[in-house]
N, C-alpha and C. Protein backbone atom coordinates (compact mmCIF):
# COMPACT_ATOMS: atom_id res chain seq x y z
N UNK A 1 11.15 41.01 23.72
CA UNK A 1 10.78 40.24 22.06
C UNK A 1 11.20 38.38 22.47
N UNK A 2 11.99 37.61 23.32
CA UNK A 2 11.88 37.15 23.43
C UNK A 2 10.23 35.94 23.52
N UNK A 3 9.70 36.76 24.02
CA UNK A 3 8.88 35.74 24.15
C UNK A 3 7.98 35.38 23.18
N UNK A 4 7.93 36.83 22.11
CA UNK A 4 7.08 36.92 20.78
C UNK A 4 8.40 35.57 19.89
N UNK A 5 8.99 35.49 20.25
CA UNK A 5 9.60 35.08 19.33
C UNK A 5 9.72 33.03 19.12
N UNK A 6 9.54 32.59 21.02
CA UNK A 6 9.30 31.87 21.47
C UNK A 6 7.63 31.11 20.84
N UNK A 7 6.85 32.17 21.38
CA UNK A 7 5.55 31.71 20.80
C UNK A 7 5.66 31.55 18.78
N UNK A 8 6.60 32.15 18.29
CA UNK A 8 7.05 31.64 16.94
C UNK A 8 6.78 30.64 17.07
N UNK A 9 8.32 30.70 17.20
CA UNK A 9 8.54 28.43 17.24
C UNK A 9 7.63 27.67 17.79
N UNK A 10 7.33 27.94 19.05
CA UNK A 10 6.14 27.05 19.25
C UNK A 10 4.79 26.99 18.41
N UNK A 11 4.39 27.67 17.98
CA UNK A 11 3.93 27.96 16.81
C UNK A 11 4.35 27.02 15.32
N UNK A 12 5.34 27.15 15.43
CA UNK A 12 5.90 26.39 13.92
C UNK A 12 6.27 24.84 13.85
N UNK A 13 6.56 24.82 15.34
CA UNK A 13 7.35 23.76 15.57
C UNK A 13 5.48 22.96 15.35
N UNK A 14 5.22 23.03 16.40
CA UNK A 14 3.56 22.80 16.43
C UNK A 14 2.31 22.11 14.48
N UNK A 15 2.86 23.29 13.67
CA UNK A 15 2.56 23.29 12.13
C UNK A 15 3.26 22.52 11.53
N UNK A 16 4.29 21.81 12.03
CA UNK A 16 4.96 21.06 11.46
C UNK A 16 4.53 19.65 11.80
N UNK A 17 4.12 19.52 12.97
CA UNK A 17 3.61 18.40 13.96
C UNK A 17 2.05 17.99 13.37
N UNK A 18 1.56 18.92 12.88
CA UNK A 18 0.39 18.88 12.45
C UNK A 18 0.30 18.45 10.89
N UNK A 19 1.52 19.10 10.05
CA UNK A 19 1.56 18.43 8.69
C UNK A 19 1.88 17.21 9.24
N UNK A 20 2.88 16.32 9.34
CA UNK A 20 3.52 15.07 10.20
C UNK A 20 2.50 14.85 10.27
N UNK A 21 1.61 15.03 11.43
CA UNK A 21 0.29 14.02 12.02
C UNK A 21 -0.85 13.68 10.19
N UNK A 22 -1.19 14.75 9.28
CA UNK A 22 -2.13 14.26 8.56
C UNK A 22 -1.29 14.05 7.19
N UNK A 23 0.20 13.60 7.25
CA UNK A 23 0.76 12.95 6.99
C UNK A 23 1.29 11.89 6.47
N UNK A 24 0.90 11.20 7.66
CA UNK A 24 0.86 10.45 8.27
C UNK A 24 -0.32 9.22 8.16
N UNK A 25 -1.36 10.23 8.75
CA UNK A 25 -2.72 9.62 9.00
C UNK A 25 -3.64 9.20 7.69
N UNK A 26 -2.67 10.25 6.26
CA UNK A 26 -3.78 10.56 5.08
C UNK A 26 -3.74 8.87 3.86
N UNK A 27 -2.69 7.91 4.95
CA UNK A 27 -2.60 6.71 3.83
C UNK A 27 -4.00 5.63 3.97
N UNK A 28 -4.36 5.84 5.56
CA UNK A 28 -5.48 5.26 6.59
C UNK A 28 -6.23 5.69 5.40
N UNK A 29 -6.85 7.44 5.39
CA UNK A 29 -7.97 8.05 5.48
C UNK A 29 -8.15 7.98 3.78
N UNK A 30 -7.36 7.84 2.75
CA UNK A 30 -7.14 7.40 1.29
C UNK A 30 -7.95 6.01 1.07
N UNK A 31 -8.10 5.06 1.75
CA UNK A 31 -8.69 4.30 2.17
C UNK A 31 -10.30 4.30 1.49
N UNK A 32 -10.66 5.49 2.37
CA UNK A 32 -12.23 6.14 2.51
C UNK A 32 -12.47 6.74 1.27
N UNK A 33 -11.41 7.25 0.91
CA UNK A 33 -11.50 8.94 -0.17
C UNK A 33 -11.46 9.87 0.72
N UNK A 34 -10.32 10.27 1.23
CA UNK A 34 -10.74 10.86 2.90
C UNK A 34 -9.12 11.61 2.41
N UNK A 35 -9.15 12.87 2.81
CA UNK A 35 -6.92 12.76 2.47
C UNK A 35 -7.13 14.42 3.21
N UNK A 36 -6.87 13.76 4.61
CA UNK A 36 -6.51 15.03 5.78
C UNK A 36 -5.29 15.70 4.97
N UNK A 37 -4.42 15.66 4.30
CA UNK A 37 -3.52 16.31 4.25
C UNK A 37 -3.45 17.83 3.62
N UNK A 38 -5.06 17.69 2.37
CA UNK A 38 -6.04 18.52 1.65
C UNK A 38 -6.10 19.66 3.05
N UNK A 39 -6.22 19.49 3.83
CA UNK A 39 -6.67 20.70 4.53
C UNK A 39 -5.45 21.75 5.18
N UNK A 40 -4.15 20.94 4.47
CA UNK A 40 -3.63 22.25 4.66
C UNK A 40 -3.05 23.40 4.66
N UNK A 41 -4.04 24.28 3.54
CA UNK A 41 -4.69 25.55 3.21
C UNK A 41 -5.11 25.69 5.13
N UNK A 42 -5.82 25.29 5.32
CA UNK A 42 -6.33 25.16 6.76
C UNK A 42 -5.35 25.65 8.52
N UNK A 43 -4.36 25.32 7.99
CA UNK A 43 -3.43 25.02 9.03
C UNK A 43 -3.26 26.47 9.94
N UNK A 44 -3.72 27.55 9.21
CA UNK A 44 -3.15 29.01 9.95
C UNK A 44 -4.12 29.02 10.82
N UNK A 45 -5.42 28.66 10.14
CA UNK A 45 -6.49 29.09 11.05
C UNK A 45 -7.21 27.75 11.88
N UNK A 46 -6.82 27.03 12.14
CA UNK A 46 -6.42 25.41 12.19
C UNK A 46 -5.33 26.12 13.95
N UNK A 47 -4.51 26.25 13.57
CA UNK A 47 -2.77 26.53 14.87
C UNK A 47 -2.75 27.58 15.41
N UNK A 48 -3.71 28.80 14.33
CA UNK A 48 -3.03 29.97 14.77
C UNK A 48 -4.60 30.81 15.39
N UNK A 49 -5.28 30.59 14.92
CA UNK A 49 -6.51 30.95 14.73
C UNK A 49 -7.14 32.21 13.80
N UNK A 50 -6.26 31.80 12.95
CA UNK A 50 -6.16 32.79 11.87
C UNK A 50 -7.64 32.73 10.93
N UNK A 51 -8.51 33.69 10.40
CA UNK A 51 -9.48 33.71 9.24
C UNK A 51 -9.12 32.81 8.54
N UNK A 52 -9.96 31.83 8.14
CA UNK A 52 -9.93 30.84 7.29
C UNK A 52 -9.67 31.63 5.52
N UNK A 53 -8.35 31.40 5.17
CA UNK A 53 -8.73 31.88 3.46
C UNK A 53 -9.56 30.79 2.63
N UNK A 54 -9.60 31.97 0.95
CA UNK A 54 -10.56 30.76 0.93
C UNK A 54 -10.41 29.70 0.35
N UNK A 55 -9.03 29.60 -0.02
CA UNK A 55 -8.75 28.22 -0.32
C UNK A 55 -8.83 27.23 0.85
N UNK A 56 -9.12 27.51 2.19
CA UNK A 56 -8.95 26.63 3.19
C UNK A 56 -10.83 26.10 3.51
N UNK A 57 -11.40 27.60 2.96
CA UNK A 57 -13.24 26.64 2.81
C UNK A 57 -13.54 26.08 1.60
N UNK A 58 -12.41 25.74 0.83
CA UNK A 58 -12.69 25.10 -0.66
C UNK A 58 -12.19 24.06 -0.20
N UNK A 59 -11.53 23.63 0.83
CA UNK A 59 -11.16 22.38 1.10
C UNK A 59 -11.66 21.70 2.31
N UNK A 60 -11.81 22.41 3.12
CA UNK A 60 -13.02 22.00 4.19
C UNK A 60 -14.32 21.97 3.50
N UNK A 61 -14.92 22.18 2.68
CA UNK A 61 -15.86 22.09 1.76
C UNK A 61 -15.83 20.57 1.07
N UNK A 62 -14.72 20.35 0.28
CA UNK A 62 -14.72 19.43 -0.16
C UNK A 62 -14.66 18.17 1.14
N UNK A 63 -13.79 18.14 2.21
CA UNK A 63 -13.48 17.44 2.95
C UNK A 63 -14.51 16.81 4.12
N UNK A 64 -15.77 17.32 3.59
CA UNK A 64 -16.65 17.57 4.68
C UNK A 64 -17.38 16.34 5.40
N UNK A 65 -17.69 15.02 3.57
CA UNK A 65 -18.11 14.46 4.18
C UNK A 65 -16.69 13.81 5.31
N UNK A 66 -15.87 13.92 5.41
CA UNK A 66 -14.56 13.13 6.52
C UNK A 66 -14.29 13.96 7.61
N UNK A 67 -14.10 14.98 8.13
CA UNK A 67 -14.66 15.75 9.12
C UNK A 67 -14.81 14.98 10.23
N UNK A 68 -16.29 14.01 10.64
CA UNK A 68 -16.38 13.23 11.78
C UNK A 68 -15.60 12.19 11.70
N UNK A 69 -15.16 11.96 10.27
CA UNK A 69 -13.39 10.84 10.57
C UNK A 69 -12.43 11.22 11.34
N UNK A 70 -11.85 12.17 10.28
CA UNK A 70 -10.91 12.90 11.55
C UNK A 70 -11.23 13.10 12.91
N UNK A 71 -12.47 13.58 13.07
CA UNK A 71 -13.01 13.83 14.32
C UNK A 71 -12.21 12.45 15.36
N UNK A 72 -12.77 11.58 14.81
CA UNK A 72 -13.15 10.16 15.74
C UNK A 72 -11.17 9.00 15.58
N UNK A 73 -10.39 9.52 14.68
CA UNK A 73 -9.37 9.22 14.38
C UNK A 73 -8.39 10.26 15.82
N UNK A 74 -7.08 9.65 17.12
CA UNK A 74 -6.50 10.36 17.55
C UNK A 74 -5.40 10.56 17.30
N UNK A 75 -5.20 10.09 16.00
CA UNK A 75 -3.75 11.13 15.00
C UNK A 75 -3.66 12.60 15.12
N UNK A 76 -5.54 12.69 15.06
CA UNK A 76 -5.44 14.66 14.80
C UNK A 76 -6.57 14.73 14.68
N UNK A 77 -7.69 14.02 16.10
CA UNK A 77 -8.02 14.43 17.27
C UNK A 77 -8.65 15.80 17.33
N UNK A 78 -7.74 15.70 18.33
CA UNK A 78 -7.29 17.53 18.59
C UNK A 78 -7.23 18.44 17.87
N UNK A 79 -6.71 18.16 16.18
CA UNK A 79 -6.75 19.67 15.93
C UNK A 79 -7.94 19.67 14.83
N UNK A 80 -9.07 18.22 14.80
CA UNK A 80 -9.60 19.31 13.81
C UNK A 80 -10.94 19.54 15.51
N UNK A 81 -11.06 18.53 16.54
CA UNK A 81 -12.07 19.79 17.73
C UNK A 81 -11.94 20.69 17.98
N UNK A 82 -10.45 21.56 18.10
CA UNK A 82 -10.22 22.70 18.63
C UNK A 82 -10.85 23.19 18.71
N UNK A 83 -10.81 24.61 18.89
CA UNK A 83 -11.91 25.53 18.71
C UNK A 83 -11.92 26.67 18.00
N UNK A 84 -10.43 26.60 17.83
CA UNK A 84 -10.03 27.30 16.23
C UNK A 84 -10.65 26.72 15.07
N UNK A 85 -10.38 25.01 15.04
CA UNK A 85 -10.99 24.83 13.35
C UNK A 85 -12.42 24.70 13.43
N UNK A 86 -12.95 24.36 14.80
CA UNK A 86 -14.66 24.42 15.00
C UNK A 86 -15.05 26.00 14.33
N UNK A 87 -14.05 27.56 14.51
CA UNK A 87 -14.59 28.64 14.21
C UNK A 87 -14.15 28.10 12.35
N UNK A 88 -12.90 28.20 11.86
CA UNK A 88 -13.42 28.12 10.71
C UNK A 88 -14.34 27.58 10.22
N UNK A 89 -14.66 25.44 10.80
CA UNK A 89 -15.81 25.30 9.76
C UNK A 89 -16.79 26.25 10.22
N UNK A 90 -17.09 26.81 11.05
CA UNK A 90 -17.82 28.24 10.89
C UNK A 90 -18.15 29.19 10.16
N UNK A 91 -16.99 29.28 9.83
CA UNK A 91 -16.74 30.71 9.10
C UNK A 91 -17.06 30.08 7.50
N UNK A 92 -16.77 28.91 7.47
CA UNK A 92 -16.92 28.92 6.06
C UNK A 92 -18.03 27.90 5.66
N UNK A 93 -19.44 27.86 6.75
CA UNK A 93 -20.05 27.71 6.30
C UNK A 93 -20.20 25.96 6.41
N UNK A 94 -19.55 25.39 7.12
CA UNK A 94 -19.73 23.84 6.77
C UNK A 94 -19.66 23.41 7.98
N UNK A 95 -21.01 22.16 7.60
CA UNK A 95 -21.63 20.84 8.31
C UNK A 95 -21.07 20.48 8.69
N UNK A 96 -20.77 19.74 9.95
CA UNK A 96 -20.05 18.92 10.46
C UNK A 96 -20.34 18.68 12.10
N UNK A 97 -21.60 17.68 11.60
CA UNK A 97 -22.51 16.96 12.23
C UNK A 97 -22.07 15.10 13.20
N UNK A 98 -21.09 15.48 13.93
CA UNK A 98 -20.67 14.59 14.76
C UNK A 98 -21.27 13.53 15.46
């Protein structure tokens, strides 16, 4: 049981770190019309590999023109290029040709 709690705690800490990175990076991305914090509905899909929610898909589509920019940014490259993120993009039928 302790292993499950550690995994849950690690996932929660990772999610908090992702939120912080997205919020901090949002300022730079906003200048280009992109808002990485808008992808917060996708956090469980990106972080935990859960199926993306309808709200996540809406935000991925809205942020589609920005996904390559996010992938190039060292602040959150590892999040948007992760296998879980790629599965969410595919499940939402979003094209991210970087």
